C-alpha atoms as a PDB file:
ATOM      1  CA  UNK A   1     119.856 -10.184  19.233  1.00  0.00           C
ATOM      2  CA  UNK A   2     121.088  -8.153  16.257  1.00  0.00           C
ATOM      3  CA  UNK A   3     121.879 -11.306  14.291  1.00  0.00           C
ATOM      4  CA  UNK A   4     118.363 -12.647  14.962  1.00  0.00           C
ATOM      5  CA  UNK A   5     116.785  -9.379  13.827  1.00  0.00           C
ATOM      6  CA  UNK A   6     118.923  -9.327  10.689  1.00  0.00           C
ATOM      7  CA  UNK A   7     117.875 -12.933   9.904  1.00  0.00           C
ATOM      8  CA  UNK A   8     114.158 -12.074  10.297  1.00  0.00           C
ATOM      9  CA  UNK A   9     114.506  -8.990   8.101  1.00  0.00           C
ATOM     10  CA  UNK A  10     116.372 -11.015   5.480  1.00  0.00           C
ATOM     11  CA  UNK A  11     113.622 -13.672   5.509  1.00  0.00           C
ATOM     12  CA  UNK A  12     110.899 -11.055   5.117  1.00  0.00           C
ATOM     13  CA  UNK A  13     112.731  -9.361   2.260  1.00  0.00           C
ATOM     14  CA  UNK A  14     113.212 -12.733   0.574  1.00  0.00           C
ATOM     15  CA  UNK A  15     109.485 -13.526   0.842  1.00  0.00           C
ATOM     16  CA  UNK A  16     108.402 -10.103  -0.424  1.00  0.00           C
ATOM     17  CA  UNK A  17     110.893 -10.201  -3.305  1.00  0.00           C
ATOM     18  CA  UNK A  18     109.690 -13.662  -4.363  1.00  0.00           C
ATOM     19  CA  UNK A  19     105.964 -13.151  -3.838  1.00  0.00           C
ATOM     20  CA  UNK A  20     103.890 -13.690  -6.963  1.00  0.00           C
ATOM     21  CA  UNK A  21     100.174 -13.211  -7.443  1.00  0.00           C
ATOM     22  CA  UNK A  22      98.010 -14.888 -10.081  1.00  0.00           C
ATOM     23  CA  UNK A  23      94.297 -15.304 -10.816  1.00  0.00           C
ATOM     24  CA  UNK A  24      92.207 -18.242 -11.952  1.00  0.00           C
ATOM     25  CA  UNK A  25      88.718 -19.231 -13.030  1.00  0.00           C
ATOM     26  CA  UNK A  26      87.196 -22.622 -12.257  1.00  0.00           C
ATOM     27  CA  UNK A  27      84.053 -24.701 -12.639  1.00  0.00           C
ATOM     28  CA  UNK A  28      83.148 -28.068 -11.173  1.00  0.00           C
ATOM     29  CA  UNK A  29      80.575 -30.676 -10.204  1.00  0.00           C
ATOM     30  CA  UNK A  30      79.450 -31.047  -6.574  1.00  0.00           C
ATOM     31  CA  UNK A  31      78.430 -34.282  -4.857  1.00  0.00           C
ATOM     32  CA  UNK A  32      76.812 -33.113  -1.643  1.00  0.00           C
ATOM     33  CA  UNK A  33      74.864 -34.477   1.307  1.00  0.00           C
ATOM     34  CA  UNK A  34      74.087 -33.759   4.960  1.00  0.00           C
ATOM     35  CA  UNK A  35      75.815 -35.374   7.920  1.00  0.00           C
ATOM     36  CA  UNK A  36      73.729 -36.385  10.922  1.00  0.00           C
ATOM     37  CA  UNK A  37      70.525 -38.434  10.945  1.00  0.00           C
ATOM     38  CA  UNK A  38      68.579 -36.864   8.067  1.00  0.00           C
ATOM     39  CA  UNK A  39      68.706 -40.137   6.086  1.00  0.00           C
ATOM     40  CA  UNK A  40      69.394 -38.307   2.820  1.00  0.00           C
ATOM     41  CA  UNK A  41      71.359 -39.402  -0.230  1.00  0.00           C
ATOM     42  CA  UNK A  42      74.059 -37.629  -2.209  1.00  0.00           C
ATOM     43  CA  UNK A  43      72.881 -35.006  -4.695  1.00  0.00           C
ATOM     44  CA  UNK A  44      74.646 -33.607  -7.763  1.00  0.00           C
ATOM     45  CA  UNK A  45      75.162 -29.854  -8.011  1.00  0.00           C
ATOM     46  CA  UNK A  46      77.698 -27.407  -9.415  1.00  0.00           C
ATOM     47  CA  UNK A  47      80.228 -24.773  -8.438  1.00  0.00           C
ATOM     48  CA  UNK A  48      81.738 -21.897 -10.381  1.00  0.00           C
ATOM     49  CA  UNK A  49      83.954 -19.014  -9.386  1.00  0.00           C
ATOM     50  CA  UNK A  50      87.222 -17.130  -9.464  1.00  0.00           C
ATOM     51  CA  UNK A  51      90.304 -17.387  -7.280  1.00  0.00           C
ATOM     52  CA  UNK A  52      93.598 -15.748  -6.459  1.00  0.00           C
ATOM     53  CA  UNK A  53      96.903 -17.325  -5.494  1.00  0.00           C
ATOM     54  CA  UNK A  54      99.611 -15.499  -3.579  1.00  0.00           C
ATOM     55  CA  UNK A  55     102.882 -17.432  -3.623  1.00  0.00           C
ATOM     56  CA  UNK A  56     105.422 -16.967  -0.838  1.00  0.00           C
ATOM     57  CA  UNK A  57     107.899 -19.408  -2.375  1.00  0.00           C
ATOM     58  CA  UNK A  58     108.122 -22.151  -4.997  1.00  0.00           C
ATOM     59  CA  UNK A  59     106.330 -24.434  -2.546  1.00  0.00           C
ATOM     60  CA  UNK A  60     104.023 -22.370  -0.318  1.00  0.00           C
ATOM     61  CA  UNK A  61     101.062 -20.171  -1.205  1.00  0.00           C
ATOM     62  CA  UNK A  62      97.618 -19.049  -0.049  1.00  0.00           C
ATOM     63  CA  UNK A  63      94.567 -19.486  -2.294  1.00  0.00           C
ATOM     64  CA  UNK A  64      91.411 -17.464  -1.485  1.00  0.00           C
ATOM     65  CA  UNK A  65      88.440 -17.868  -3.831  1.00  0.00           C
ATOM     66  CA  UNK A  66      84.916 -16.549  -4.385  1.00  0.00           C
ATOM     67  CA  UNK A  67      82.575 -19.377  -5.408  1.00  0.00           C
ATOM     68  CA  UNK A  68      78.907 -19.920  -6.205  1.00  0.00           C
ATOM     69  CA  UNK A  69      78.163 -23.431  -4.947  1.00  0.00           C
ATOM     70  CA  UNK A  70      74.997 -25.558  -5.014  1.00  0.00           C
ATOM     71  CA  UNK A  71      74.844 -28.123  -2.213  1.00  0.00           C
ATOM     72  CA  UNK A  72      72.100 -30.080  -0.437  1.00  0.00           C
ATOM     73  CA  UNK A  73      70.819 -33.631  -0.426  1.00  0.00           C
ATOM     74  CA  UNK A  74      67.832 -35.753  -1.475  1.00  0.00           C
ATOM     75  CA  UNK A  75      65.446 -38.294   0.001  1.00  0.00           C
ATOM     76  CA  UNK A  76      63.582 -40.800  -2.170  1.00  0.00           C
ATOM     77  CA  UNK A  77      61.832 -43.724  -0.465  1.00  0.00           C
ATOM     78  CA  UNK A  78      58.394 -45.370  -0.533  1.00  0.00           C
ATOM     79  CA  UNK A  79      57.061 -42.969  -3.146  1.00  0.00           C
ATOM     80  CA  UNK A  80      58.115 -39.918  -1.155  1.00  0.00           C
ATOM     81  CA  UNK A  81      60.722 -37.582  -2.664  1.00  0.00           C
ATOM     82  CA  UNK A  82      62.387 -34.535  -1.148  1.00  0.00           C
ATOM     83  CA  UNK A  83      65.172 -32.504  -2.755  1.00  0.00           C
ATOM     84  CA  UNK A  84      67.109 -29.809  -0.925  1.00  0.00           C
ATOM     85  CA  UNK A  85      68.933 -27.345  -3.206  1.00  0.00           C
ATOM     86  CA  UNK A  86      70.601 -24.575  -1.175  1.00  0.00           C
ATOM     87  CA  UNK A  87      72.866 -22.184  -3.058  1.00  0.00           C
ATOM     88  CA  UNK A  88      75.786 -20.548  -1.264  1.00  0.00           C
ATOM     89  CA  UNK A  89      78.175 -17.711  -1.965  1.00  0.00           C
ATOM     90  CA  UNK A  90      81.368 -19.176  -0.560  1.00  0.00           C
ATOM     91  CA  UNK A  91      84.857 -17.942   0.335  1.00  0.00           C
ATOM     92  CA  UNK A  92      87.459 -20.703   0.872  1.00  0.00           C
ATOM     93  CA  UNK A  93      90.870 -19.528   2.124  1.00  0.00           C
ATOM     94  CA  UNK A  94      93.273 -22.423   1.652  1.00  0.00           C
ATOM     95  CA  UNK A  95      96.980 -22.792   2.363  1.00  0.00           C
ATOM     96  CA  UNK A  96      98.693 -24.770  -0.404  1.00  0.00           C
ATOM     97  CA  UNK A  97     101.907 -26.718  -0.881  1.00  0.00           C
ATOM     98  CA  UNK A  98     103.174 -27.320  -4.433  1.00  0.00           C
ATOM     99  CA  UNK A  99     105.334 -30.287  -5.451  1.00  0.00           C
ATOM    100  CA  UNK A 100     106.958 -30.426  -8.890  1.00  0.00           C
ATOM    101  CA  UNK A 101     106.384 -33.629 -10.871  1.00  0.00           C
ATOM    102  CA  UNK A 102     108.024 -32.730 -14.183  1.00  0.00           C
ATOM    103  CA  UNK A 103     108.680 -29.496 -16.048  1.00  0.00           C
ATOM    104  CA  UNK A 104     105.560 -27.312 -15.899  1.00  0.00           C
ATOM    105  CA  UNK A 105     103.548 -29.973 -14.022  1.00  0.00           C
ATOM    106  CA  UNK A 106     102.800 -29.920 -10.286  1.00  0.00           C
ATOM    107  CA  UNK A 107     100.757 -31.573  -7.579  1.00  0.00           C
ATOM    108  CA  UNK A 108      99.167 -29.094  -5.167  1.00  0.00           C
ATOM    109  CA  UNK A 109      97.877 -30.135  -1.729  1.00  0.00           C
ATOM    110  CA  UNK A 110      95.716 -27.601   0.107  1.00  0.00           C
ATOM    111  CA  UNK A 111      93.655 -27.148   3.273  1.00  0.00           C
ATOM    112  CA  UNK A 112      91.985 -24.357   5.215  1.00  0.00           C
ATOM    113  CA  UNK A 113      88.682 -22.831   6.335  1.00  0.00           C
ATOM    114  CA  UNK A 114      85.720 -21.817   4.218  1.00  0.00           C
ATOM    115  CA  UNK A 115      82.935 -19.338   4.958  1.00  0.00           C
ATOM    116  CA  UNK A 116      79.590 -19.338   3.148  1.00  0.00           C
ATOM    117  CA  UNK A 117      76.310 -17.419   3.011  1.00  0.00           C
ATOM    118  CA  UNK A 118      73.095 -18.923   1.652  1.00  0.00           C
ATOM    119  CA  UNK A 119      71.623 -16.743  -1.082  1.00  0.00           C
ATOM    120  CA  UNK A 120      68.908 -18.909  -2.704  1.00  0.00           C
ATOM    121  CA  UNK A 121      67.575 -22.426  -3.104  1.00  0.00           C
ATOM    122  CA  UNK A 122      64.441 -24.532  -2.871  1.00  0.00           C
ATOM    123  CA  UNK A 123      63.163 -27.518  -0.953  1.00  0.00           C
ATOM    124  CA  UNK A 124      60.919 -29.638  -3.203  1.00  0.00           C
ATOM    125  CA  UNK A 125      58.542 -32.256  -1.765  1.00  0.00           C
ATOM    126  CA  UNK A 126      56.684 -34.828  -3.874  1.00  0.00           C
ATOM    127  CA  UNK A 127      54.247 -37.493  -2.646  1.00  0.00           C
ATOM    128  CA  UNK A 128      51.271 -39.280  -4.197  1.00  0.00           C
ATOM    129  CA  UNK A 129      51.294 -37.035  -7.263  1.00  0.00           C
ATOM    130  CA  UNK A 130      51.353 -33.845  -5.230  1.00  0.00           C
ATOM    131  CA  UNK A 131      54.243 -31.387  -5.332  1.00  0.00           C
ATOM    132  CA  UNK A 132      55.125 -28.649  -2.867  1.00  0.00           C
ATOM    133  CA  UNK A 133      58.005 -26.176  -3.064  1.00  0.00           C
ATOM    134  CA  UNK A 134      59.418 -23.790  -0.527  1.00  0.00           C
ATOM    135  CA  UNK A 135      62.439 -21.601  -0.013  1.00  0.00           C
ATOM    136  CA  UNK A 136      65.277 -23.486   1.669  1.00  0.00           C
ATOM    137  CA  UNK A 137      66.300 -20.520   3.814  1.00  0.00           C
ATOM    138  CA  UNK A 138      63.991 -18.721   6.237  1.00  0.00           C
ATOM    139  CA  UNK A 139      61.375 -19.593   8.873  1.00  0.00           C
ATOM    140  CA  UNK A 140      58.093 -18.657   7.180  1.00  0.00           C
ATOM    141  CA  UNK A 141      55.171 -20.957   6.386  1.00  0.00           C
ATOM    142  CA  UNK A 142      56.550 -21.768   2.926  1.00  0.00           C
ATOM    143  CA  UNK A 143      60.201 -21.881   4.038  1.00  0.00           C
ATOM    144  CA  UNK A 144      62.306 -24.848   5.133  1.00  0.00           C
ATOM    145  CA  UNK A 145      64.109 -23.043   7.951  1.00  0.00           C
ATOM    146  CA  UNK A 146      67.678 -23.356   6.700  1.00  0.00           C
ATOM    147  CA  UNK A 147      70.394 -21.207   8.251  1.00  0.00           C
ATOM    148  CA  UNK A 148      72.163 -18.871   5.867  1.00  0.00           C
ATOM    149  CA  UNK A 149      75.618 -18.845   7.484  1.00  0.00           C
ATOM    150  CA  UNK A 150      77.876 -21.856   7.079  1.00  0.00           C
ATOM    151  CA  UNK A 151      81.545 -22.471   7.755  1.00  0.00           C
ATOM    152  CA  UNK A 152      83.840 -25.444   7.910  1.00  0.00           C
ATOM    153  CA  UNK A 153      87.110 -26.954   6.750  1.00  0.00           C
ATOM    154  CA  UNK A 154      88.130 -27.598   3.163  1.00  0.00           C
ATOM    155  CA  UNK A 155      90.805 -29.937   1.807  1.00  0.00           C
ATOM    156  CA  UNK A 156      91.897 -30.731  -1.727  1.00  0.00           C
ATOM    157  CA  UNK A 157      94.475 -31.837  -4.218  1.00  0.00           C
ATOM    158  CA  UNK A 158      95.060 -30.500  -7.728  1.00  0.00           C
ATOM    159  CA  UNK A 159      97.184 -31.452 -10.712  1.00  0.00           C
ATOM    160  CA  UNK A 160      98.584 -28.563 -12.747  1.00  0.00           C
ATOM    161  CA  UNK A 161      99.657 -28.791 -16.376  1.00  0.00           C
ATOM    162  CA  UNK A 162     100.882 -25.403 -17.457  1.00  0.00           C
ATOM    163  CA  UNK A 163      98.046 -22.941 -16.884  1.00  0.00           C
ATOM    164  CA  UNK A 164      95.375 -25.642 -16.683  1.00  0.00           C
ATOM    165  CA  UNK A 165      94.512 -27.643 -13.569  1.00  0.00           C
ATOM    166  CA  UNK A 166      92.087 -30.327 -12.425  1.00  0.00           C
ATOM    167  CA  UNK A 167      91.201 -30.702  -8.764  1.00  0.00           C
ATOM    168  CA  UNK A 168      89.442 -32.891  -6.202  1.00  0.00           C
ATOM    169  CA  UNK A 169      88.078 -31.110  -3.126  1.00  0.00           C
ATOM    170  CA  UNK A 170      86.175 -31.920   0.037  1.00  0.00           C
ATOM    171  CA  UNK A 171      84.310 -29.668   2.470  1.00  0.00           C
ATOM    172  CA  UNK A 172      83.051 -30.540   5.936  1.00  0.00           C
ATOM    173  CA  UNK A 173      80.685 -28.075   7.609  1.00  0.00           C
ATOM    174  CA  UNK A 174      80.868 -27.094  11.278  1.00  0.00           C
ATOM    175  CA  UNK A 175      77.499 -25.323  11.582  1.00  0.00           C
ATOM    176  CA  UNK A 176      73.980 -26.771  11.607  1.00  0.00           C
ATOM    177  CA  UNK A 177      72.204 -26.399   8.282  1.00  0.00           C
ATOM    178  CA  UNK A 178      68.886 -26.196  10.123  1.00  0.00           C
ATOM    179  CA  UNK A 179      67.777 -26.611  13.746  1.00  0.00           C
ATOM    180  CA  UNK A 180      65.268 -29.440  13.940  1.00  0.00           C
ATOM    181  CA  UNK A 181      63.291 -29.956  17.146  1.00  0.00           C
ATOM    182  CA  UNK A 182      63.083 -33.714  16.688  1.00  0.00           C
ATOM    183  CA  UNK A 183      64.409 -36.821  18.395  1.00  0.00           C
ATOM    184  CA  UNK A 184      64.892 -38.493  14.998  1.00  0.00           C
ATOM    185  CA  UNK A 185      67.042 -35.832  13.320  1.00  0.00           C
ATOM    186  CA  UNK A 186      70.142 -34.340  14.904  1.00  0.00           C
ATOM    187  CA  UNK A 187      72.078 -31.276  13.769  1.00  0.00           C
ATOM    188  CA  UNK A 188      72.641 -31.848  10.022  1.00  0.00           C
ATOM    189  CA  UNK A 189      75.745 -30.221   8.535  1.00  0.00           C
ATOM    190  CA  UNK A 190      76.910 -29.724   4.964  1.00  0.00           C
ATOM    191  CA  UNK A 191      79.303 -32.229   3.438  1.00  0.00           C
ATOM    192  CA  UNK A 192      80.501 -31.780  -0.121  1.00  0.00           C
ATOM    193  CA  UNK A 193      82.942 -33.368  -2.558  1.00  0.00           C
ATOM    194  CA  UNK A 194      83.712 -31.865  -5.930  1.00  0.00           C
ATOM    195  CA  UNK A 195      85.746 -32.379  -9.072  1.00  0.00           C
ATOM    196  CA  UNK A 196      86.599 -29.379 -11.201  1.00  0.00           C
ATOM    197  CA  UNK A 197      88.807 -27.823 -13.839  1.00  0.00           C
ATOM    198  CA  UNK A 198      90.324 -24.390 -14.068  1.00  0.00           C
ATOM    199  CA  UNK A 199      92.641 -22.021 -15.886  1.00  0.00           C
ATOM    200  CA  UNK A 200      95.262 -19.675 -14.422  1.00  0.00           C
ATOM    201  CA  UNK A 201      95.886 -16.244 -15.923  1.00  0.00           C
END
């Protein structure tokens, strides 16, 4: 019992003594769409934000971030065009594993949950020369009815060169973007892929 307790205490001391914290800034391009039966196509958006990394060892760390991310999708058929442009304030909290490639260069694999809150965005409808716009979030007459809260799972891989890094990420939402009362559309959820660059400081 005493030996086990001593081992646990030694492990905790080792982690605390190693632990390192760093910050980063990043910007990227989103390629987003909705899952389900909305029949939409991928839309280009952006993301920008700041992050923190807390390293437990040379290999393991946790990477929470605060991001501004534009998602959505688009529909363009038979002269009818609809663009959905929701903007989210997002907090991914990803566990990461780092693998050294050469001196000062690493591959980082990461995964974990994300939580998001819709803060702005429009739904734009165009048909036969007429254009209508409405807020993406909300249930009013000029609102699309989008839900503000979103959460899901995020995965990614990054390549680090010194303090710079480039990353590929994917996000898969668990919550309905909007509740449609329709037999043709079922429970759309956010899906997003992004490529970005960043700098650690």
